Amino acid sequence: MAQVTIELDNQVAEKLNNLVRVFGSKDLLFSSFIEYHKKNMQREIAQLQVDLDAYADQYGMSSDLFYEKFEQGELEDSKDFMLWAGIYEMQQESKKKLGELS
């Protein structure tokens, strides 16, 4: 079993100790914490996909192809394209973070 040491101020440490008592063990507390955040990220990825699909339908190309063309400068810097690229990047970052938690 690995050990992790972190420094916390007294109030946060006391709250953490209370949570450990509520959950019954540190392992269960942190496993629950990780699962909670994984589910939140999965929901975020799914919602971003809905937005990406709407742009893909509107412009008749996949988000992957769009982003490749956008990054290569083949597309204009319209408001829609800037938003689409931002949503795409957010989803990619969320997928990366989710992968790190899995």
PDB file of N, CA and C in Angstrom:
ATOM      1  N   MET A   1       0.852  -1.182   0.000  1.00  0.00           N
ATOM      2  CA  MET A   1       0.000   0.000   0.000  1.00  0.00           C
ATOM      3  C   MET A   1       0.889   1.234   0.000  1.00  0.00           C
ATOM      4  N   ALA A   2       0.604   2.153  -0.882  1.00  0.00           N
ATOM      5  CA  ALA A   2       1.359   3.400  -0.968  1.00  0.00           C
ATOM      6  C   ALA A   2       0.841   4.403   0.049  1.00  0.00           C
ATOM      7  N   GLN A   3       1.713   5.270   0.458  1.00  0.00           N
ATOM      8  CA  GLN A   3       1.327   6.305   1.409  1.00  0.00           C
ATOM      9  C   GLN A   3       1.519   7.664   0.758  1.00  0.00           C
ATOM     10  N   VAL A   4       0.543   8.543   0.939  1.00  0.00           N
ATOM     11  CA  VAL A   4       0.597   9.894   0.414  1.00  0.00           C
ATOM     12  C   VAL A   4       0.547  10.846   1.594  1.00  0.00           C
ATOM     13  N   THR A   5       1.411  11.826   1.589  1.00  0.00           N
ATOM     14  CA  THR A   5       1.425  12.819   2.661  1.00  0.00           C
ATOM     15  C   THR A   5       1.135  14.177   2.064  1.00  0.00           C
ATOM     16  N   ILE A   6       0.152  14.863   2.620  1.00  0.00           N
ATOM     17  CA  ILE A   6      -0.174  16.219   2.178  1.00  0.00           C
ATOM     18  C   ILE A   6      -0.320  17.102   3.411  1.00  0.00           C
ATOM     19  N   GLU A   7       0.051  18.359   3.248  1.00  0.00           N
ATOM     20  CA  GLU A   7      -0.114  19.313   4.332  1.00  0.00           C
ATOM     21  C   GLU A   7      -1.404  20.087   4.118  1.00  0.00           C
ATOM     22  N   LEU A   8      -2.216  20.158   5.177  1.00  0.00           N
ATOM     23  CA  LEU A   8      -3.483  20.862   5.120  1.00  0.00           C
ATOM     24  C   LEU A   8      -3.586  21.796   6.312  1.00  0.00           C
ATOM     25  N   ASP A   9      -4.349  22.868   6.136  1.00  0.00           N
ATOM     26  CA  ASP A   9      -4.578  23.689   7.327  1.00  0.00           C
ATOM     27  C   ASP A   9      -5.501  22.920   8.264  1.00  0.00           C
ATOM     28  N   ASN A  10      -5.562  23.320   9.503  1.00  0.00           N
ATOM     29  CA  ASN A  10      -6.278  22.562  10.536  1.00  0.00           C
ATOM     30  C   ASN A  10      -7.757  22.354  10.221  1.00  0.00           C
ATOM     31  N   GLN A  11      -8.419  23.384   9.695  1.00  0.00           N
ATOM     32  CA  GLN A  11      -9.854  23.260   9.399  1.00  0.00           C
ATOM     33  C   GLN A  11     -10.100  22.231   8.307  1.00  0.00           C
ATOM     34  N   VAL A  12      -9.308  22.266   7.273  1.00  0.00           N
ATOM     35  CA  VAL A  12      -9.477  21.316   6.172  1.00  0.00           C
ATOM     36  C   VAL A  12      -9.136  19.913   6.652  1.00  0.00           C
ATOM     37  N   ALA A  13      -8.099  19.777   7.432  1.00  0.00           N
ATOM     38  CA  ALA A  13      -7.716  18.468   7.961  1.00  0.00           C
ATOM     39  C   ALA A  13      -8.822  17.884   8.828  1.00  0.00           C
ATOM     40  N   GLU A  14      -9.451  18.713   9.632  1.00  0.00           N
ATOM     41  CA  GLU A  14     -10.540  18.235  10.491  1.00  0.00           C
ATOM     42  C   GLU A  14     -11.739  17.792   9.648  1.00  0.00           C
ATOM     43  N   LYS A  15     -12.053  18.557   8.604  1.00  0.00           N
ATOM     44  CA  LYS A  15     -13.155  18.168   7.714  1.00  0.00           C
ATOM     45  C   LYS A  15     -12.838  16.855   7.011  1.00  0.00           C
ATOM     46  N   LEU A  16     -11.593  16.708   6.584  1.00  0.00           N
ATOM     47  CA  LEU A  16     -11.187  15.470   5.930  1.00  0.00           C
ATOM     48  C   LEU A  16     -11.289  14.293   6.891  1.00  0.00           C
ATOM     49  N   ASN A  17     -10.844  14.469   8.115  1.00  0.00           N
ATOM     50  CA  ASN A  17     -10.963  13.407   9.116  1.00  0.00           C
ATOM     51  C   ASN A  17     -12.426  13.055   9.380  1.00  0.00           C
ATOM     52  N   ASN A  18     -13.297  14.055   9.409  1.00  0.00           N
ATOM     53  CA  ASN A  18     -14.730  13.793   9.586  1.00  0.00           C
ATOM     54  C   ASN A  18     -15.279  12.984   8.412  1.00  0.00           C
ATOM     55  N   LEU A  19     -14.858  13.319   7.205  1.00  0.00           N
ATOM     56  CA  LEU A  19     -15.302  12.565   6.034  1.00  0.00           C
ATOM     57  C   LEU A  19     -14.816  11.117   6.086  1.00  0.00           C
ATOM     58  N   VAL A  20     -13.601  10.911   6.532  1.00  0.00           N
ATOM     59  CA  VAL A  20     -13.083   9.541   6.666  1.00  0.00           C
ATOM     60  C   VAL A  20     -13.953   8.763   7.644  1.00  0.00           C
ATOM     61  N   ARG A  21     -14.334   9.400   8.747  1.00  0.00           N
ATOM     62  CA  ARG A  21     -15.217   8.715   9.723  1.00  0.00           C
ATOM     63  C   ARG A  21     -16.574   8.397   9.094  1.00  0.00           C
ATOM     64  N   VAL A  22     -17.131   9.327   8.326  1.00  0.00           N
ATOM     65  CA  VAL A  22     -18.437   9.112   7.693  1.00  0.00           C
ATOM     66  C   VAL A  22     -18.362   7.966   6.695  1.00  0.00           C
ATOM     67  N   PHE A  23     -17.315   7.939   5.872  1.00  0.00           N
ATOM     68  CA  PHE A  23     -17.179   6.904   4.848  1.00  0.00           C
ATOM     69  C   PHE A  23     -16.669   5.587   5.412  1.00  0.00           C
ATOM     70  N   GLY A  24     -16.040   5.623   6.560  1.00  0.00           N
ATOM     71  CA  GLY A  24     -15.581   4.391   7.191  1.00  0.00           C
ATOM     72  C   GLY A  24     -14.135   4.038   6.897  1.00  0.00           C
ATOM     73  N   SER A  25     -13.575   4.593   5.826  1.00  0.00           N
ATOM     74  CA  SER A  25     -12.166   4.337   5.531  1.00  0.00           C
ATOM     75  C   SER A  25     -11.660   5.384   4.545  1.00  0.00           C
ATOM     76  N   LYS A  26     -10.363   5.594   4.569  1.00  0.00           N
ATOM     77  CA  LYS A  26      -9.747   6.536   3.618  1.00  0.00           C
ATOM     78  C   LYS A  26      -9.891   6.025   2.187  1.00  0.00           C
ATOM     79  N   ASP A  27      -9.692   4.721   2.008  1.00  0.00           N
ATOM     80  CA  ASP A  27      -9.794   4.156   0.663  1.00  0.00           C
ATOM     81  C   ASP A  27     -11.179   4.371   0.072  1.00  0.00           C
ATOM     82  N   LEU A  28     -12.209   4.125   0.866  1.00  0.00           N
ATOM     83  CA  LEU A  28     -13.577   4.303   0.380  1.00  0.00           C
ATOM     84  C   LEU A  28     -13.858   5.781   0.091  1.00  0.00           C
ATOM     85  N   LEU A  29     -13.385   6.668   0.951  1.00  0.00           N
ATOM     86  CA  LEU A  29     -13.577   8.099   0.735  1.00  0.00           C
ATOM     87  C   LEU A  29     -12.955   8.530  -0.581  1.00  0.00           C
ATOM     88  N   PHE A  30     -11.706   8.182  -0.800  1.00  0.00           N
ATOM     89  CA  PHE A  30     -11.029   8.644  -2.002  1.00  0.00           C
ATOM     90  C   PHE A  30     -11.509   7.915  -3.254  1.00  0.00           C
ATOM     91  N   SER A  31     -11.879   6.661  -3.125  1.00  0.00           N
ATOM     92  CA  SER A  31     -12.474   5.953  -4.272  1.00  0.00           C
ATOM     93  C   SER A  31     -13.780   6.617  -4.671  1.00  0.00           C
ATOM     94  N   SER A  32     -14.590   6.982  -3.687  1.00  0.00           N
ATOM     95  CA  SER A  32     -15.858   7.668  -3.959  1.00  0.00           C
ATOM     96  C   SER A  32     -15.614   9.033  -4.578  1.00  0.00           C
ATOM     97  N   PHE A  33     -14.628   9.741  -4.085  1.00  0.00           N
ATOM     98  CA  PHE A  33     -14.269  11.056  -4.604  1.00  0.00           C
ATOM     99  C   PHE A  33     -13.862  10.957  -6.074  1.00  0.00           C
ATOM    100  N   ILE A  34     -13.029   9.994  -6.389  1.00  0.00           N
ATOM    101  CA  ILE A  34     -12.565   9.799  -7.762  1.00  0.00           C
ATOM    102  C   ILE A  34     -13.733   9.419  -8.674  1.00  0.00           C
ATOM    103  N   GLU A  35     -14.578   8.494  -8.231  1.00  0.00           N
ATOM    104  CA  GLU A  35     -15.733   8.084  -9.046  1.00  0.00           C
ATOM    105  C   GLU A  35     -16.684   9.246  -9.290  1.00  0.00           C
ATOM    106  N   TYR A  36     -16.902  10.061  -8.271  1.00  0.00           N
ATOM    107  CA  TYR A  36     -17.757  11.240  -8.410  1.00  0.00           C
ATOM    108  C   TYR A  36     -17.225  12.155  -9.508  1.00  0.00           C
ATOM    109  N   HIS A  37     -15.934  12.422  -9.479  1.00  0.00           N
ATOM    110  CA  HIS A  37     -15.343  13.314 -10.472  1.00  0.00           C
ATOM    111  C   HIS A  37     -15.291  12.678 -11.856  1.00  0.00           C
ATOM    112  N   LYS A  38     -15.094  11.373 -11.919  1.00  0.00           N
ATOM    113  CA  LYS A  38     -15.136  10.691 -13.212  1.00  0.00           C
ATOM    114  C   LYS A  38     -16.521  10.819 -13.837  1.00  0.00           C
ATOM    115  N   LYS A  39     -17.558  10.624 -13.047  1.00  0.00           N
ATOM    116  CA  LYS A  39     -18.923  10.738 -13.569  1.00  0.00           C
ATOM    117  C   LYS A  39     -19.221  12.164 -14.013  1.00  0.00           C
ATOM    118  N   ASN A  40     -18.742  13.150 -13.250  1.00  0.00           N
ATOM    119  CA  ASN A  40     -18.928  14.544 -13.662  1.00  0.00           C
ATOM    120  C   ASN A  40     -18.247  14.817 -14.993  1.00  0.00           C
ATOM    121  N   MET A  41     -17.038  14.315 -15.158  1.00  0.00           N
ATOM    122  CA  MET A  41     -16.317  14.510 -16.419  1.00  0.00           C
ATOM    123  C   MET A  41     -17.013  13.796 -17.567  1.00  0.00           C
ATOM    124  N   GLN A  42     -17.546  12.612 -17.316  1.00  0.00           N
ATOM    125  CA  GLN A  42     -18.271  11.886 -18.360  1.00  0.00           C
ATOM    126  C   GLN A  42     -19.503  12.668 -18.792  1.00  0.00           C
ATOM    127  N   ARG A  43     -20.213  13.267 -17.832  1.00  0.00           N
ATOM    128  CA  ARG A  43     -21.381  14.100 -18.165  1.00  0.00           C
ATOM    129  C   ARG A  43     -20.958  15.329 -18.962  1.00  0.00           C
ATOM    130  N   GLU A  44     -19.859  15.941 -18.551  1.00  0.00           N
ATOM    131  CA  GLU A  44     -19.350  17.117 -19.263  1.00  0.00           C
ATOM    132  C   GLU A  44     -18.964  16.759 -20.698  1.00  0.00           C
ATOM    133  N   ILE A  45     -18.287  15.643 -20.870  1.00  0.00           N
ATOM    134  CA  ILE A  45     -17.893  15.186 -22.208  1.00  0.00           C
ATOM    135  C   ILE A  45     -19.125  14.937 -23.064  1.00  0.00           C
ATOM    136  N   ALA A  46     -20.142  14.315 -22.480  1.00  0.00           N
ATOM    137  CA  ALA A  46     -21.377  14.032 -23.221  1.00  0.00           C
ATOM    138  C   ALA A  46     -22.089  15.325 -23.626  1.00  0.00           C
ATOM    139  N   GLN A  47     -22.132  16.306 -22.721  1.00  0.00           N
ATOM    140  CA  GLN A  47     -22.788  17.572 -23.050  1.00  0.00           C
ATOM    141  C   GLN A  47     -22.010  18.314 -24.129  1.00  0.00           C
ATOM    142  N   LEU A  48     -20.701  18.299 -24.030  1.00  0.00           N
ATOM    143  CA  LEU A  48     -19.885  18.930 -25.066  1.00  0.00           C
ATOM    144  C   LEU A  48     -20.092  18.234 -26.411  1.00  0.00           C
ATOM    145  N   GLN A  49     -20.303  16.910 -26.379  1.00  0.00           N
ATOM    146  CA  GLN A  49     -20.539  16.173 -27.620  1.00  0.00           C
ATOM    147  C   GLN A  49     -21.834  16.615 -28.287  1.00  0.00           C
ATOM    148  N   VAL A  50     -22.842  16.893 -27.489  1.00  0.00           N
ATOM    149  CA  VAL A  50     -24.106  17.399 -28.039  1.00  0.00           C
ATOM    150  C   VAL A  50     -23.851  18.704 -28.795  1.00  0.00           C
ATOM    151  N   ASP A  51     -23.068  19.585 -28.182  1.00  0.00           N
ATOM    152  CA  ASP A  51     -22.742  20.853 -28.830  1.00  0.00           C
ATOM    153  C   ASP A  51     -21.917  20.632 -30.095  1.00  0.00           C
ATOM    154  N   LEU A  52     -20.938  19.731 -30.017  1.00  0.00           N
ATOM    155  CA  LEU A  52     -20.106  19.431 -31.181  1.00  0.00           C
ATOM    156  C   LEU A  52     -20.941  18.844 -32.315  1.00  0.00           C
ATOM    157  N   ASP A  53     -21.863  17.954 -31.975  1.00  0.00           N
ATOM    158  CA  ASP A  53     -22.721  17.345 -32.990  1.00  0.00           C
ATOM    159  C   ASP A  53     -23.583  18.392 -33.694  1.00  0.00           C
ATOM    160  N   ALA A  54     -24.036  19.383 -32.941  1.00  0.00           N
ATOM    161  CA  ALA A  54     -24.856  20.440 -33.548  1.00  0.00           C
ATOM    162  C   ALA A  54     -24.039  21.221 -34.583  1.00  0.00           C
ATOM    163  N   TYR A  55     -22.797  21.561 -34.241  1.00  0.00           N
ATOM    164  CA  TYR A  55     -21.935  22.249 -35.211  1.00  0.00           C
ATOM    165  C   TYR A  55     -21.615  21.344 -36.401  1.00  0.00           C
ATOM    166  N   ALA A  56     -21.335  20.078 -36.133  1.00  0.00           N
ATOM    167  CA  ALA A  56     -21.015  19.136 -37.219  1.00  0.00           C
ATOM    168  C   ALA A  56     -22.185  19.020 -38.185  1.00  0.00           C
ATOM    169  N   ASP A  57     -23.404  18.932 -37.645  1.00  0.00           N
ATOM    170  CA  ASP A  57     -24.592  18.866 -38.495  1.00  0.00           C
ATOM    171  C   ASP A  57     -24.763  20.160 -39.292  1.00  0.00           C
ATOM    172  N   GLN A  58     -24.558  21.285 -38.633  1.00  0.00           N
ATOM    173  CA  GLN A  58     -24.746  22.586 -39.279  1.00  0.00           C
ATOM    174  C   GLN A  58     -23.768  22.789 -40.435  1.00  0.00           C
ATOM    175  N   TYR A  59     -22.537  22.354 -40.238  1.00  0.00           N
ATOM    176  CA  TYR A  59     -21.504  22.620 -41.245  1.00  0.00           C
ATOM    177  C   TYR A  59     -21.120  21.399 -42.081  1.00  0.00           C
ATOM    178  N   GLY A  60     -21.747  20.260 -41.821  1.00  0.00           N
ATOM    179  CA  GLY A  60     -21.555  19.086 -42.663  1.00  0.00           C
ATOM    180  C   GLY A  60     -20.173  18.462 -42.621  1.00  0.00           C
ATOM    181  N   MET A  61     -19.521  18.532 -41.467  1.00  0.00           N
ATOM    182  CA  MET A  61     -18.229  17.848 -41.315  1.00  0.00           C
ATOM    183  C   MET A  61     -18.041  17.454 -39.859  1.00  0.00           C
ATOM    184  N   SER A  62     -17.279  16.410 -39.652  1.00  0.00           N
ATOM    185  CA  SER A  62     -17.037  15.957 -38.281  1.00  0.00           C
ATOM    186  C   SER A  62     -16.216  17.001 -37.527  1.00  0.00           C
ATOM    187  N   SER A  63     -16.315  16.969 -36.231  1.00  0.00           N
ATOM    188  CA  SER A  63     -15.545  17.904 -35.419  1.00  0.00           C
ATOM    189  C   SER A  63     -14.049  17.651 -35.540  1.00  0.00           C
ATOM    190  N   ASP A  64     -13.661  16.383 -35.683  1.00  0.00           N
ATOM    191  CA  ASP A  64     -12.239  16.075 -35.854  1.00  0.00           C
ATOM    192  C   ASP A  64     -11.697  16.701 -37.130  1.00  0.00           C
ATOM    193  N   LEU A  65     -12.438  16.538 -38.232  1.00  0.00           N
ATOM    194  CA  LEU A  65     -12.009  17.110 -39.505  1.00  0.00           C
ATOM    195  C   LEU A  65     -12.020  18.637 -39.425  1.00  0.00           C
ATOM    196  N   PHE A  66     -13.081  19.186 -38.853  1.00  0.00           N
ATOM    197  CA  PHE A  66     -13.155  20.631 -38.688  1.00  0.00           C
ATOM    198  C   PHE A  66     -11.927  21.146 -37.953  1.00  0.00           C
ATOM    199  N   TYR A  67     -11.607  20.522 -36.822  1.00  0.00           N
ATOM    200  CA  TYR A  67     -10.517  21.031 -35.994  1.00  0.00           C
ATOM    201  C   TYR A  67      -9.181  20.943 -36.731  1.00  0.00           C
ATOM    202  N   GLU A  68      -8.991  19.869 -37.458  1.00  0.00           N
ATOM    203  CA  GLU A  68      -7.762  19.723 -38.238  1.00  0.00           C
ATOM    204  C   GLU A  68      -7.645  20.864 -39.262  1.00  0.00           C
ATOM    205  N   LYS A  69      -8.740  21.125 -39.972  1.00  0.00           N
ATOM    206  CA  LYS A  69      -8.744  22.196 -40.976  1.00  0.00           C
ATOM    207  C   LYS A  69      -8.584  23.567 -40.308  1.00  0.00           C
ATOM    208  N   PHE A  70      -9.241  23.747 -39.187  1.00  0.00           N
ATOM    209  CA  PHE A  70      -9.178  25.024 -38.473  1.00  0.00           C
ATOM    210  C   PHE A  70      -7.754  25.305 -38.001  1.00  0.00           C
ATOM    211  N   GLU A  71      -7.122  24.309 -37.431  1.00  0.00           N
ATOM    212  CA  GLU A  71      -5.755  24.453 -36.936  1.00  0.00           C
ATOM    213  C   GLU A  71      -4.761  24.694 -38.065  1.00  0.00           C
ATOM    214  N   GLN A  72      -5.046  24.166 -39.227  1.00  0.00           N
ATOM    215  CA  GLN A  72      -4.162  24.357 -40.385  1.00  0.00           C
ATOM    216  C   GLN A  72      -4.434  25.680 -41.099  1.00  0.00           C
ATOM    217  N   GLY A  73      -5.398  26.435 -40.592  1.00  0.00           N
ATOM    218  CA  GLY A  73      -5.690  27.734 -41.184  1.00  0.00           C
ATOM    219  C   GLY A  73      -6.510  27.666 -42.457  1.00  0.00           C
ATOM    220  N   GLU A  74      -7.149  26.530 -42.691  1.00  0.00           N
ATOM    221  CA  GLU A  74      -7.938  26.358 -43.909  1.00  0.00           C
ATOM    222  C   GLU A  74      -9.346  26.937 -43.788  1.00  0.00           C
ATOM    223  N   LEU A  75      -9.720  27.323 -42.564  1.00  0.00           N
ATOM    224  CA  LEU A  75     -11.059  27.868 -42.336  1.00  0.00           C
ATOM    225  C   LEU A  75     -10.936  29.265 -41.742  1.00  0.00           C
ATOM    226  N   GLU A  76     -11.964  30.048 -41.948  1.00  0.00           N
ATOM    227  CA  GLU A  76     -11.981  31.422 -41.419  1.00  0.00           C
ATOM    228  C   GLU A  76     -12.115  31.418 -39.897  1.00  0.00           C
ATOM    229  N   ASP A  77     -11.843  32.548 -39.303  1.00  0.00           N
ATOM    230  CA  ASP A  77     -11.964  32.697 -37.842  1.00  0.00           C
ATOM    231  C   ASP A  77     -13.317  33.301 -37.476  1.00  0.00           C
ATOM    232  N   SER A  78     -14.388  32.684 -37.971  1.00  0.00           N
ATOM    233  CA  SER A  78     -15.728  33.172 -37.649  1.00  0.00           C
ATOM    234  C   SER A  78     -16.055  32.859 -36.188  1.00  0.00           C
ATOM    235  N   LYS A  79     -17.082  33.532 -35.685  1.00  0.00           N
ATOM    236  CA  LYS A  79     -17.505  33.314 -34.296  1.00  0.00           C
ATOM    237  C   LYS A  79     -17.851  31.841 -34.066  1.00  0.00           C
ATOM    238  N   ASP A  80     -18.632  31.258 -34.968  1.00  0.00           N
ATOM    239  CA  ASP A  80     -19.018  29.852 -34.827  1.00  0.00           C
ATOM    240  C   ASP A  80     -17.797  28.939 -34.793  1.00  0.00           C
ATOM    241  N   PHE A  81     -16.860  29.189 -35.684  1.00  0.00           N
ATOM    242  CA  PHE A  81     -15.682  28.323 -35.747  1.00  0.00           C
ATOM    243  C   PHE A  81     -14.809  28.479 -34.507  1.00  0.00           C
ATOM    244  N   MET A  82     -14.722  29.685 -33.986  1.00  0.00           N
ATOM    245  CA  MET A  82     -13.954  29.896 -32.749  1.00  0.00           C
ATOM    246  C   MET A  82     -14.614  29.155 -31.588  1.00  0.00           C
ATOM    247  N   LEU A  83     -15.931  29.233 -31.510  1.00  0.00           N
ATOM    248  CA  LEU A  83     -16.651  28.520 -30.447  1.00  0.00           C
ATOM    249  C   LEU A  83     -16.522  27.012 -30.620  1.00  0.00           C
ATOM    250  N   TRP A  84     -16.691  26.539 -31.830  1.00  0.00           N
ATOM    251  CA  TRP A  84     -16.587  25.113 -32.129  1.00  0.00           C
ATOM    252  C   TRP A  84     -15.206  24.602 -31.727  1.00  0.00           C
ATOM    253  N   ALA A  85     -14.174  25.327 -32.105  1.00  0.00           N
ATOM    254  CA  ALA A  85     -12.807  24.916 -31.754  1.00  0.00           C
ATOM    255  C   ALA A  85     -12.614  24.904 -30.241  1.00  0.00           C
ATOM    256  N   GLY A  86     -13.159  25.897 -29.562  1.00  0.00           N
ATOM    257  CA  GLY A  86     -13.046  25.955 -28.099  1.00  0.00           C
ATOM    258  C   GLY A  86     -13.734  24.783 -27.424  1.00  0.00           C
ATOM    259  N   ILE A  87     -14.923  24.453 -27.894  1.00  0.00           N
ATOM    260  CA  ILE A  87     -15.665  23.316 -27.336  1.00  0.00           C
ATOM    261  C   ILE A  87     -14.905  22.025 -27.601  1.00  0.00           C
ATOM    262  N   TYR A  88     -14.373  21.893 -28.797  1.00  0.00           N
ATOM    263  CA  TYR A  88     -13.592  20.706 -29.156  1.00  0.00           C
ATOM    264  C   TYR A  88     -12.384  20.562 -28.228  1.00  0.00           C
ATOM    265  N   GLU A  89     -11.665  21.655 -28.012  1.00  0.00           N
ATOM    266  CA  GLU A  89     -10.494  21.618 -27.137  1.00  0.00           C
ATOM    267  C   GLU A  89     -10.878  21.285 -25.696  1.00  0.00           C
ATOM    268  N   MET A  90     -11.992  21.851 -25.235  1.00  0.00           N
ATOM    269  CA  MET A  90     -12.456  21.538 -23.877  1.00  0.00           C
ATOM    270  C   MET A  90     -12.760  20.053 -23.742  1.00  0.00           C
ATOM    271  N   GLN A  91     -13.425  19.488 -24.751  1.00  0.00           N
ATOM    272  CA  GLN A  91     -13.758  18.075 -24.684  1.00  0.00           C
ATOM    273  C   GLN A  91     -12.497  17.211 -24.712  1.00  0.00           C
ATOM    274  N   GLN A  92     -11.549  17.574 -25.546  1.00  0.00           N
ATOM    275  CA  GLN A  92     -10.301  16.799 -25.622  1.00  0.00           C
ATOM    276  C   GLN A  92      -9.563  16.837 -24.283  1.00  0.00           C
ATOM    277  N   GLU A  93      -9.525  18.003 -23.655  1.00  0.00           N
ATOM    278  CA  GLU A  93      -8.871  18.138 -22.353  1.00  0.00           C
ATOM    279  C   GLU A  93      -9.603  17.315 -21.291  1.00  0.00           C
ATOM    280  N   SER A  94     -10.926  17.339 -21.325  1.00  0.00           N
ATOM    281  CA  SER A  94     -11.702  16.547 -20.365  1.00  0.00           C
ATOM    282  C   SER A  94     -11.471  15.058 -20.579  1.00  0.00           C
ATOM    283  N   LYS A  95     -11.389  14.628 -21.827  1.00  0.00           N
ATOM    284  CA  LYS A  95     -11.109  13.209 -22.116  1.00  0.00           C
ATOM    285  C   LYS A  95      -9.726  12.819 -21.594  1.00  0.00           C
ATOM    286  N   LYS A  96      -8.767  13.711 -21.749  1.00  0.00           N
ATOM    287  CA  LYS A  96      -7.408  13.445 -21.266  1.00  0.00           C
ATOM    288  C   LYS A  96      -7.420  13.293 -19.741  1.00  0.00           C
ATOM    289  N   LYS A  97      -8.081  14.226 -19.056  1.00  0.00           N
ATOM    290  CA  LYS A  97      -8.160  14.158 -17.584  1.00  0.00           C
ATOM    291  C   LYS A  97      -8.887  12.901 -17.137  1.00  0.00           C
ATOM    292  N   LEU A  98      -9.957  12.552 -17.823  1.00  0.00           N
ATOM    293  CA  LEU A  98     -10.687  11.331 -17.475  1.00  0.00           C
ATOM    294  C   LEU A  98      -9.794  10.112 -17.634  1.00  0.00           C
ATOM    295  N   GLY A  99      -9.028  10.078 -18.702  1.00  0.00           N
ATOM    296  CA  GLY A  99      -8.098   8.978 -18.913  1.00  0.00           C
ATOM    297  C   GLY A  99      -7.073   8.861 -17.796  1.00  0.00           C
ATOM    298  N   GLU A 100      -6.651   9.995 -17.264  1.00  0.00           N
ATOM    299  CA  GLU A 100      -5.689   9.987 -16.167  1.00  0.00           C
ATOM    300  C   GLU A 100      -6.299   9.450 -14.876  1.00  0.00           C
ATOM    301  N   LEU A 101      -7.612   9.589 -14.724  1.00  0.00           N
ATOM    302  CA  LEU A 101      -8.287   9.070 -13.525  1.00  0.00           C
ATOM    303  C   LEU A 101      -8.658   7.610 -13.640  1.00  0.00           C
ATOM    304  N   SER A 102      -8.657   7.083 -14.857  1.00  0.00           N
ATOM    305  CA  SER A 102      -9.092   5.700 -15.065  1.00  0.00           C
ATOM    306  C   SER A 102      -7.981   4.716 -14.811  1.00  0.00           C
TER     307      SER A 102
END
